[in-house]
Amino acid sequence: MSPISALTAEEIDALEPSFLGPTWQKAPDGSWLLPEHTLGWQVAGWCAEYLRAEDGGPWRFTREQLRWTLWWYAVDKHGRFVYRKGVLQRLKGWG
């Protein structure tokens, strides 16, 4: 078995990121694509009202966390959740 060669910094910079799911999709006008129907705004409001950050202030999602929450709680026109399973994987300290 041959060892895997390390990538150079230039090769790493040239890699295209891959994203699964809609969190990073953009609309034709360049804005973030958000679900038409979601309970995520209510979840974000509840978090801001009842959760506290380390400094004692209200909890605030990062923009990516908010988009992910909006998509995770997306519902179809009948009120059924669009997503039943999911994984969000980031480095420690991401949020």
Protein backbone atom coordinates (compact mmCIF):
# COMPACT_ATOMS: atom_id res chain seq x y z
CA MET A 1 0.00 0.00 0.00
CA SER A 2 1.48 3.33 -1.02
CA PRO A 3 1.27 6.37 1.27
CA ILE A 4 -1.12 9.19 0.42
CA SER A 5 0.80 12.25 -0.70
CA ALA A 6 0.18 15.54 1.08
CA LEU A 7 -1.36 18.44 -0.81
CA THR A 8 0.50 21.68 -1.24
CA ALA A 9 -0.99 24.95 0.02
CA GLU A 10 -1.75 25.94 -3.57
CA GLU A 11 -3.55 22.65 -4.20
CA ILE A 12 -5.61 23.09 -1.03
CA ASP A 13 -6.55 26.66 -2.02
CA ALA A 14 -7.66 25.42 -5.45
CA LEU A 15 -10.07 22.83 -4.02
CA GLU A 16 -13.74 23.57 -4.55
CA PRO A 17 -15.83 23.24 -1.37
CA SER A 18 -18.70 20.77 -1.42
CA PHE A 19 -21.91 21.43 0.42
CA LEU A 20 -24.78 19.05 0.90
CA GLY A 21 -28.21 20.43 1.54
CA PRO A 22 -29.72 23.84 0.91
CA THR A 23 -28.01 25.92 3.64
CA TRP A 24 -25.42 27.37 1.25
CA GLN A 25 -27.59 27.69 -1.87
CA LYS A 26 -28.08 31.14 -3.33
CA ALA A 27 -30.93 32.59 -5.37
CA PRO A 28 -30.27 33.97 -8.87
CA ASP A 29 -30.00 37.50 -7.40
CA GLY A 30 -27.19 36.37 -5.06
CA SER A 31 -29.26 36.36 -1.86
CA TRP A 32 -29.45 33.29 0.33
CA LEU A 33 -32.10 30.79 -0.68
CA LEU A 34 -34.45 30.29 2.27
CA PRO A 35 -37.39 27.91 2.66
CA GLU A 36 -40.82 29.24 1.75
CA HIS A 37 -42.41 27.77 4.90
CA THR A 38 -40.47 27.21 8.11
CA LEU A 39 -40.92 27.12 11.86
CA GLY A 40 -37.29 28.18 12.16
CA TRP A 41 -38.11 31.85 12.76
CA GLN A 42 -40.18 30.86 15.79
CA VAL A 43 -37.32 28.64 17.04
CA ALA A 44 -34.86 31.54 16.65
CA GLY A 45 -37.24 33.87 18.48
CA TRP A 46 -37.67 31.38 21.32
CA CYS A 47 -33.88 31.00 21.62
CA ALA A 48 -33.39 34.78 21.73
CA GLU A 49 -36.07 35.09 24.42
CA TYR A 50 -35.16 32.18 26.70
CA LEU A 51 -31.49 31.29 26.09
CA ARG A 52 -28.55 33.36 27.27
CA ALA A 53 -25.09 33.72 25.75
CA GLU A 54 -21.93 33.44 27.83
CA ASP A 55 -21.93 37.21 28.39
CA GLY A 56 -25.49 37.07 29.74
CA GLY A 57 -27.00 38.65 26.66
CA PRO A 58 -29.58 37.00 24.42
CA TRP A 59 -28.57 33.97 22.39
CA ARG A 60 -27.76 34.86 18.80
CA PHE A 61 -27.27 32.41 15.99
CA THR A 62 -24.49 32.91 13.47
CA ARG A 63 -25.84 33.50 9.97
CA GLU A 64 -25.01 29.95 8.96
CA GLN A 65 -26.65 28.54 12.10
CA LEU A 66 -29.79 30.56 11.41
CA ARG A 67 -29.98 29.42 7.78
CA TRP A 68 -29.48 25.81 8.90
CA THR A 69 -32.22 26.19 11.54
CA LEU A 70 -34.60 27.70 8.99
CA TRP A 71 -34.01 24.74 6.66
CA TRP A 72 -34.11 22.11 9.43
CA TYR A 73 -37.56 23.33 10.50
CA ALA A 74 -38.83 23.77 6.93
CA VAL A 75 -42.36 22.45 6.38
CA ASP A 76 -44.28 21.68 3.20
CA LYS A 77 -47.62 23.24 2.27
CA HIS A 78 -49.38 20.66 4.48
CA GLY A 79 -47.31 21.54 7.53
CA ARG A 80 -45.20 18.36 7.43
CA PHE A 81 -41.48 18.62 8.10
CA VAL A 82 -39.43 18.49 4.90
CA TYR A 83 -36.38 16.94 6.61
CA ARG A 84 -36.61 13.97 8.97
CA LYS A 85 -32.90 13.22 9.34
CA GLY A 86 -29.82 15.38 9.24
CA VAL A 87 -26.26 15.93 10.37
CA LEU A 88 -24.48 19.21 10.96
CA GLN A 89 -20.76 18.71 11.35
CA ARG A 90 -18.36 21.54 12.11
CA LEU A 91 -15.10 22.05 13.97
CA LYS A 92 -15.09 22.54 17.73
CA GLY A 93 -15.78 26.15 18.63
CA TRP A 94 -17.82 26.83 15.49
CA GLY A 95 -20.70 28.27 17.39
